[in-house]
Every structure is written in structure tokens, then in C-alpha cells.
Amino acid sequence: MSINLETLRLLEGITRRLDNIDTVFNKTILRISTLERNLNKVPPVGTQKLIQHAHAYSNVDHVHPAGDVSDLIEDDAYGAGWNGDTTHAATQNALYDKINVIDKFGTITNTPDIDQDLLTTSSPTFASPVISTALLPDGSGGADIGSTTLELGDIYIADSKKVYFGSDQDFSLWYNAAASNITFTGDGTDNFLINNILGFYVDIKDTFNIRDQDDSDAVLLQLNSSLRPATFALGNTNDNVDVTHYGNFLMTGVTTDDERLKVPYLTGVPASVDNGSVWMEADGLHIYWNGAEKLVAGV
């Protein structure tokens, strides 16, 4: 059997191509093996995750594999890889589909970043959540803080911060750090100031009125100790005042003795406390003067 030169060259070309195919196949196997090892070794680049999962597919992103970009793994649909499911909701990703049924988050003790749209549980428990802006109800007056059986503990409020009342926030209660008192403000006016109740010091801005709860009349003001104002007026020219006193009723230069009013002067005539007094009885006005009692005006 004879082989011409052209046939020999053709066989040599086929042999070289088979060698090249074998080399490419071996490199491919090596490349896949290297990538499998590197997936657990290569750290993420910057702040990116090693595996990034988006809606309906997962990508190994921002990773430099042993080969080129063709060695990246892309899962375009979780399909049979997720318990045999081949369909999923377009608005949900595969990972959330599986996590969504895990105990509805249960008790969260760390500081997670949770999308409010994904938090479907009705009563989560948070250890120490940090609220950066505001804690808001679902509507005006739509949420309570604490309950009749689960009361809150201490509430800490910073200096000059207020507790507002009413839908228009026209009343507020706050600690005035500059004045060191508790201030109640209504309609822009400071109405109620508490300075030192325990020490019995109360600052009254204007008139001090004590009235009954239905605002019909004054209530009883009972003093169990001394009333010592700097200036004191009881009644005025338009109002009459009935005073019932027990013991001595003291005024400047005037005293009482046995229900009698002693005055130092009587119609311009000097009189000492010991020898001059005036009092009223059922029969008229009595004057005691220099040891003698006189009935000035009888009834």
C-alpha cells in the first residue's frame, strides 16, 4: 500500500487538530476546577458582596476568576435548583421566596437594615432600635405608646424639648433649662410654671385664683402655717370680706385681746394697749378707757 505525499500531509493535519482539541479540553477542566476552588478564597472587591442576587437571577459579581470573564457563573433562573420550582412571582426574588417563611424574623437583637415593605410580622421584638428621624404612627392618633397592662419605664427628654397636646399642638409641657422650671404653654403664652413645689415656692405670673372645678365659686384655702407676704391686701373698696380668726389677729399697732380690738389711738387721743380698747357687744359699742368701761352707743 502506498501513500502519496498529499495524503500524508492530510493525516498530519488531523493529528495536530486532535492534539489541539485535547489541549483545549484539558485547559477547560483545569479552569473549572480552579474557579471552584477560588470561589471560597477570593474576597469581595470594595464593599461589594461576593455573590450578588437580584430579581430572578444571581450573579457572581466583582470577582476576578482564574480565567477570563467567561468563567463567571450566571444563574438566570433558580428553576429546578430551588426545590424543583420553575416559576416565581416577578416582583420577588428567589432568595426572598425562601427566607420569607422563616419565622417572620422572630426576635431581632442586632441592628439590621429592613425594608418596611418586607416586614410582614404584626408584633416584632427589637432590643435597642435606633430611630434617626421620627417614630410615626400609621395615622393621626393611630398608635399608643404602652398599654394599661404593659406600661413603659422611664422616659428621658432632653433640655427644652416639649410634649405637645392637641391636633394643632397649641399646648405644650416642657422643661425650661434656662429658668430651671417646668413650663406649661398654651396659645403661645406661659401659663403654668412650677419651680420648687417641695420647698413651697411657686412663682405666680399674674393673678392667683383658686376656683371650684365648675368655675362657679372660690374654694376653701386652708393654711396650716404662717402666711407672710411682703404686701397683703384682703378685699378692696368694691368687695366685702368676712374674716373669722382664731387666736390673735395682728396688725401694725393693733392687737386683739379676748375678742376685743385694742387700738393705740382713739379719736385722736393717745391710748396704750393696756388702758384703751374698743369692742362690740349685743347692746352696742363699748369703750374701755383708764380703767372704766363706757357704753358709747346702746341698741
Protein backbone atom coordinates (compact mmCIF):
# COMPACT_ATOMS: atom_id res chain seq x y z
CA MET A 1 0.00 0.00 0.00
CA SER A 2 1.41 3.29 -0.99
CA ILE A 3 0.53 6.68 0.47
CA ASN A 4 1.22 9.69 -1.57
CA LEU A 5 2.63 12.85 -0.14
CA GLU A 6 -0.69 14.72 -0.17
CA THR A 7 -2.43 12.04 1.90
CA LEU A 8 0.43 12.05 4.42
CA ARG A 9 0.14 15.78 4.90
CA LEU A 10 -3.62 15.47 5.46
CA LEU A 11 -3.12 12.86 8.19
CA GLU A 12 -0.53 15.03 9.90
CA GLY A 13 -3.00 17.95 9.96
CA ILE A 14 -5.74 15.80 11.51
CA THR A 15 -3.33 14.61 14.19
CA ARG A 16 -2.36 18.17 15.12
CA ARG A 17 -6.02 19.21 15.35
CA LEU A 18 -6.79 16.29 17.65
CA ASP A 19 -3.88 17.33 19.85
CA ASN A 20 -5.24 20.90 19.97
CA ILE A 21 -8.72 19.68 20.93
CA ASP A 22 -7.26 17.58 23.72
CA THR A 23 -5.25 20.55 24.99
CA VAL A 24 -8.30 22.85 24.96
CA PHE A 25 -10.38 20.25 26.81
CA ASN A 26 -7.71 19.79 29.49
CA LYS A 27 -7.43 23.56 29.95
CA THR A 28 -11.19 23.83 30.30
CA ILE A 29 -11.26 21.15 33.01
CA LEU A 30 -8.39 22.87 34.82
CA ARG A 31 -10.12 26.25 34.54
CA ILE A 32 -13.37 24.92 36.02
CA SER A 33 -11.51 23.25 38.87
CA THR A 34 -9.55 26.43 39.60
CA LEU A 35 -12.71 28.53 39.61
CA GLU A 36 -14.40 26.13 42.03
CA ARG A 37 -11.51 26.48 44.48
CA ASN A 38 -11.30 30.25 44.11
CA LEU A 39 -14.97 30.88 44.84
CA ASN A 40 -14.28 30.23 48.52
CA LYS A 41 -10.98 32.11 48.57
CA VAL A 42 -11.39 35.30 46.60
CA PRO A 43 -12.57 38.19 48.84
CA PRO A 44 -15.12 40.73 47.57
CA VAL A 45 -13.85 43.85 45.86
CA GLY A 46 -14.50 47.02 47.88
CA THR A 47 -17.90 46.92 49.58
CA GLN A 48 -19.47 44.57 47.03
CA LYS A 49 -20.72 41.14 48.03
CA LEU A 50 -19.10 38.00 46.65
CA ILE A 51 -22.49 36.82 45.41
CA GLN A 52 -24.98 39.46 44.33
CA HIS A 53 -28.60 38.41 44.00
CA ALA A 54 -31.08 40.48 42.06
CA HIS A 55 -34.64 39.89 40.91
CA ALA A 56 -34.99 36.46 39.22
CA TYR A 57 -31.26 35.73 38.87
CA SER A 58 -27.99 35.52 40.80
CA ASN A 59 -24.61 36.75 39.63
CA VAL A 60 -21.14 36.28 40.99
CA ASP A 61 -20.14 39.89 40.53
CA HIS A 62 -16.99 41.92 41.08
CA VAL A 63 -14.82 38.77 41.32
CA HIS A 64 -11.59 38.20 39.41
CA PRO A 65 -11.56 34.48 38.47
CA ALA A 66 -8.52 32.47 37.48
CA GLY A 67 -9.52 32.65 33.82
CA ASP A 68 -11.31 35.40 31.97
CA VAL A 69 -14.82 36.84 32.30
CA SER A 70 -16.30 33.79 30.63
CA ASP A 71 -15.59 31.86 33.84
CA LEU A 72 -18.23 33.87 35.77
CA ILE A 73 -21.22 31.88 36.90
CA GLU A 74 -24.65 33.21 36.00
CA ASP A 75 -27.89 31.66 37.14
CA ASP A 76 -30.61 33.28 35.07
CA ALA A 77 -33.45 31.45 36.82
CA TYR A 78 -33.49 29.45 40.00
CA GLY A 79 -35.77 26.87 38.34
CA ALA A 80 -35.15 23.31 39.43
CA GLY A 81 -32.31 24.43 41.68
CA TRP A 82 -34.90 25.68 44.21
CA ASN A 83 -36.77 22.58 45.31
CA GLY A 84 -38.00 21.89 41.81
CA ASP A 85 -39.88 25.18 41.37
CA THR A 86 -39.71 26.56 37.85
CA THR A 87 -41.85 29.68 38.32
CA HIS A 88 -41.83 32.58 40.75
CA ALA A 89 -43.52 35.95 41.20
CA ALA A 90 -41.97 38.64 39.05
CA THR A 91 -41.75 41.11 41.96
CA GLN A 92 -39.98 38.72 44.31
CA ASN A 93 -36.50 37.31 44.07
CA ALA A 94 -35.71 33.67 44.67
CA LEU A 95 -33.82 34.22 47.89
CA TYR A 96 -36.67 36.20 49.48
CA ASP A 97 -39.13 33.47 48.43
CA LYS A 98 -37.29 31.04 50.66
CA ILE A 99 -36.45 33.36 53.56
CA ASN A 100 -39.98 34.80 53.76
CA VAL A 101 -41.29 31.71 55.57
CA ILE A 102 -38.59 31.59 58.25
CA ASP A 103 -40.42 32.58 61.46
CA LYS A 104 -41.31 36.09 60.23
CA PHE A 105 -37.98 37.44 61.57
CA GLY A 106 -38.70 36.36 65.17
CA THR A 107 -36.67 38.29 67.76
CA ILE A 108 -34.13 40.65 66.20
CA THR A 109 -31.28 41.54 68.54
CA ASN A 110 -28.77 43.12 66.19
CA THR A 111 -29.09 46.24 64.02
CA PRO A 112 -30.48 45.02 60.66
CA ASP A 113 -31.48 47.19 57.72
CA ILE A 114 -35.02 46.02 56.96
CA ASP A 115 -37.25 47.29 54.20
CA GLN A 116 -40.62 48.15 55.79
CA ASP A 117 -42.42 46.61 52.81
CA LEU A 118 -40.84 43.23 53.57
CA LEU A 119 -41.52 43.27 57.32
CA THR A 120 -44.87 41.49 57.40
CA THR A 121 -44.96 40.37 61.05
CA SER A 122 -47.52 42.10 63.29
CA SER A 123 -45.50 42.27 66.53
CA PRO A 124 -41.72 42.12 66.10
CA THR A 125 -39.44 42.43 69.12
CA PHE A 126 -36.50 44.83 68.86
CA ALA A 127 -33.83 45.05 71.55
CA SER A 128 -32.50 48.60 71.05
CA PRO A 129 -33.61 50.06 67.72
CA VAL A 130 -32.10 53.41 66.74
CA ILE A 131 -34.57 55.85 65.15
CA SER A 132 -32.69 58.53 63.21
CA THR A 133 -35.60 60.85 62.32
CA ALA A 134 -39.06 60.10 63.73
CA LEU A 135 -41.21 57.24 65.02
CA LEU A 136 -44.55 57.72 63.26
CA PRO A 137 -47.98 56.04 63.60
CA ASP A 138 -49.97 54.92 60.57
CA GLY A 139 -52.29 57.93 61.07
CA SER A 140 -53.01 60.86 63.38
CA GLY A 141 -53.89 59.44 66.78
CA GLY A 142 -53.48 55.95 65.38
CA ALA A 143 -50.93 54.43 67.75
CA ASP A 144 -50.38 54.25 71.51
CA ILE A 145 -47.15 54.03 73.47
CA GLY A 146 -47.52 51.31 76.05
CA SER A 147 -50.85 49.97 77.32
CA THR A 148 -52.88 49.52 80.51
CA THR A 149 -51.07 46.27 81.24
CA LEU A 150 -47.70 46.98 79.60
CA GLU A 151 -46.62 50.34 80.91
CA LEU A 152 -43.40 51.97 79.79
CA GLY A 153 -40.48 52.55 82.10
CA ASP A 154 -38.59 55.82 82.43
CA ILE A 155 -38.84 58.40 79.66
CA TYR A 156 -35.82 60.63 79.08
CA ILE A 157 -36.35 64.01 77.42
CA ALA A 158 -33.56 66.45 76.56
CA ASP A 159 -33.42 70.05 77.83
CA SER A 160 -36.03 72.41 76.35
CA LYS A 161 -37.75 69.58 74.42
CA LYS A 162 -41.55 69.58 74.63
CA VAL A 163 -44.54 67.27 74.95
CA TYR A 164 -47.29 68.67 72.71
CA PHE A 165 -51.05 68.33 73.22
CA GLY A 166 -53.88 68.73 70.72
CA SER A 167 -54.10 68.27 66.96
CA ASP A 168 -52.72 71.78 66.45
CA GLN A 169 -50.04 71.36 69.12
CA ASP A 170 -51.24 74.56 70.81
CA PHE A 171 -50.40 73.29 74.31
CA SER A 172 -47.03 72.00 75.43
CA LEU A 173 -45.31 70.87 78.60
CA TRP A 174 -41.55 71.22 78.75
CA TYR A 175 -38.53 71.66 80.96
CA ASN A 176 -37.12 75.17 80.67
CA ALA A 177 -33.44 74.54 81.34
CA ALA A 178 -32.54 78.25 81.31
CA ALA A 179 -35.09 79.08 84.04
CA SER A 180 -34.82 75.66 85.74
CA ASN A 181 -38.57 75.05 85.89
CA ILE A 182 -41.40 73.09 84.29
CA THR A 183 -43.39 75.28 81.89
CA PHE A 184 -46.90 74.71 80.55
CA THR A 185 -47.52 76.80 77.44
CA GLY A 186 -50.90 77.39 75.82
CA ASP A 187 -51.58 79.55 72.76
CA GLY A 188 -48.03 80.85 72.87
CA THR A 189 -48.27 82.03 76.49
CA ASP A 190 -46.51 80.53 79.50
CA ASN A 191 -49.48 79.70 81.73
CA PHE A 192 -48.10 77.45 84.40
CA LEU A 193 -44.65 77.50 85.95
CA ILE A 194 -43.52 75.03 88.59
CA ASN A 195 -40.29 76.00 90.25
CA ASN A 196 -39.95 74.28 93.62
CA ILE A 197 -43.14 72.65 94.92
CA LEU A 198 -41.32 70.59 97.53
CA GLY A 199 -39.86 73.75 99.00
CA PHE A 200 -43.24 75.55 98.85
CA TYR A 201 -42.04 78.16 96.39
CA VAL A 202 -44.37 78.87 93.48
CA ASP A 203 -43.88 81.73 91.01
CA ILE A 204 -47.22 83.33 90.09
CA LYS A 205 -47.05 85.32 86.87
CA ASP A 206 -50.16 87.44 87.41
CA THR A 207 -53.36 86.82 89.40
CA PHE A 208 -53.62 83.73 91.58
CA ASN A 209 -57.20 82.41 91.50
CA ILE A 210 -58.46 79.34 93.30
CA ARG A 211 -61.85 78.33 91.99
CA ASP A 212 -64.15 75.34 92.14
CA GLN A 213 -63.92 72.74 89.36
CA ASP A 214 -67.11 74.06 87.70
CA ASP A 215 -65.70 77.63 87.86
CA SER A 216 -68.71 78.81 89.90
CA ASP A 217 -67.15 79.98 93.15
CA ALA A 218 -63.95 80.07 95.13
CA VAL A 219 -62.83 77.04 97.09
CA LEU A 220 -61.58 76.90 100.65
CA LEU A 221 -57.96 77.88 101.05
CA GLN A 222 -56.67 76.47 104.30
CA LEU A 223 -53.28 77.46 105.68
CA ASN A 224 -51.81 75.25 108.35
CA SER A 225 -48.84 77.51 108.89
CA SER A 226 -47.98 81.20 108.67
CA LEU A 227 -48.94 83.44 105.78
CA ARG A 228 -46.17 86.00 105.49
CA PRO A 229 -46.41 88.02 102.31
CA ALA A 230 -44.34 91.13 101.66
CA THR A 231 -47.55 93.06 100.90
CA PHE A 232 -51.05 91.83 101.57
CA ALA A 233 -54.49 93.20 100.76
CA LEU A 234 -57.66 91.47 101.89
CA GLY A 235 -60.59 92.64 99.77
CA ASN A 236 -60.93 96.10 98.20
CA THR A 237 -63.37 99.00 98.05
CA ASN A 238 -65.82 97.00 95.96
CA ASP A 239 -65.67 93.67 97.80
CA ASN A 240 -66.56 92.91 101.39
CA VAL A 241 -64.58 90.31 103.26
CA ASP A 242 -65.78 88.23 106.19
CA VAL A 243 -62.91 87.13 108.39
CA THR A 244 -63.16 84.55 111.15
CA HIS A 245 -59.98 84.37 113.15
CA TYR A 246 -58.77 82.08 115.88
CA GLY A 247 -56.28 83.44 118.34
CA ASN A 248 -54.76 86.89 117.86
CA PHE A 249 -55.33 88.86 114.69
CA LEU A 250 -52.24 91.07 114.43
CA MET A 251 -51.91 94.34 112.56
CA THR A 252 -49.39 97.14 112.83
CA GLY A 253 -50.04 98.84 116.19
CA VAL A 254 -53.29 96.90 116.75
CA THR A 255 -53.94 93.69 118.69
CA THR A 256 -56.91 91.70 119.95
CA ASP A 257 -57.49 90.53 123.46
CA ASP A 258 -60.43 88.33 124.42
CA GLU A 259 -62.28 89.18 121.18
CA ARG A 260 -61.61 92.92 121.69
CA LEU A 261 -59.76 95.17 119.31
CA LYS A 262 -57.12 97.27 121.02
CA VAL A 263 -56.04 100.47 119.29
CA PRO A 264 -53.23 102.85 120.24
CA TYR A 265 -55.29 105.93 119.29
CA LEU A 266 -58.97 106.68 119.89
CA THR A 267 -60.41 109.78 118.13
CA GLY A 268 -57.02 111.43 118.25
CA VAL A 269 -56.41 110.70 121.94
CA PRO A 270 -53.35 108.53 122.61
CA ALA A 271 -54.11 105.28 124.36
CA SER A 272 -51.82 102.47 125.36
CA VAL A 273 -52.64 98.86 124.77
CA ASP A 274 -53.12 98.37 128.47
CA ASN A 275 -55.62 101.15 129.14
CA GLY A 276 -57.66 101.54 125.94
CA SER A 277 -59.84 99.16 123.96
CA VAL A 278 -62.98 99.14 121.85
CA TRP A 279 -65.36 96.28 121.18
CA MET A 280 -68.87 95.48 120.06
CA GLU A 281 -71.46 93.58 122.03
CA ALA A 282 -75.15 92.90 121.53
CA ASP A 283 -76.14 96.07 123.39
CA GLY A 284 -73.83 98.40 121.49
CA LEU A 285 -70.29 99.81 121.25
CA HIS A 286 -68.16 99.57 124.38
CA ILE A 287 -65.05 101.59 125.20
CA TYR A 288 -62.63 100.74 127.93
CA TRP A 289 -60.62 103.78 129.00
CA ASN A 290 -58.38 104.35 132.04
CA GLY A 291 -59.88 101.51 133.99
CA ALA A 292 -63.51 102.36 133.21
CA GLU A 293 -65.85 100.82 130.70
CA LYS A 294 -68.28 103.01 128.80
CA LEU A 295 -71.22 102.15 126.56
CA VAL A 296 -70.90 104.64 123.74
CA ALA A 297 -73.93 103.72 121.64
CA GLY A 298 -76.60 101.44 123.01
CA VAL A 299 -79.02 99.38 120.97
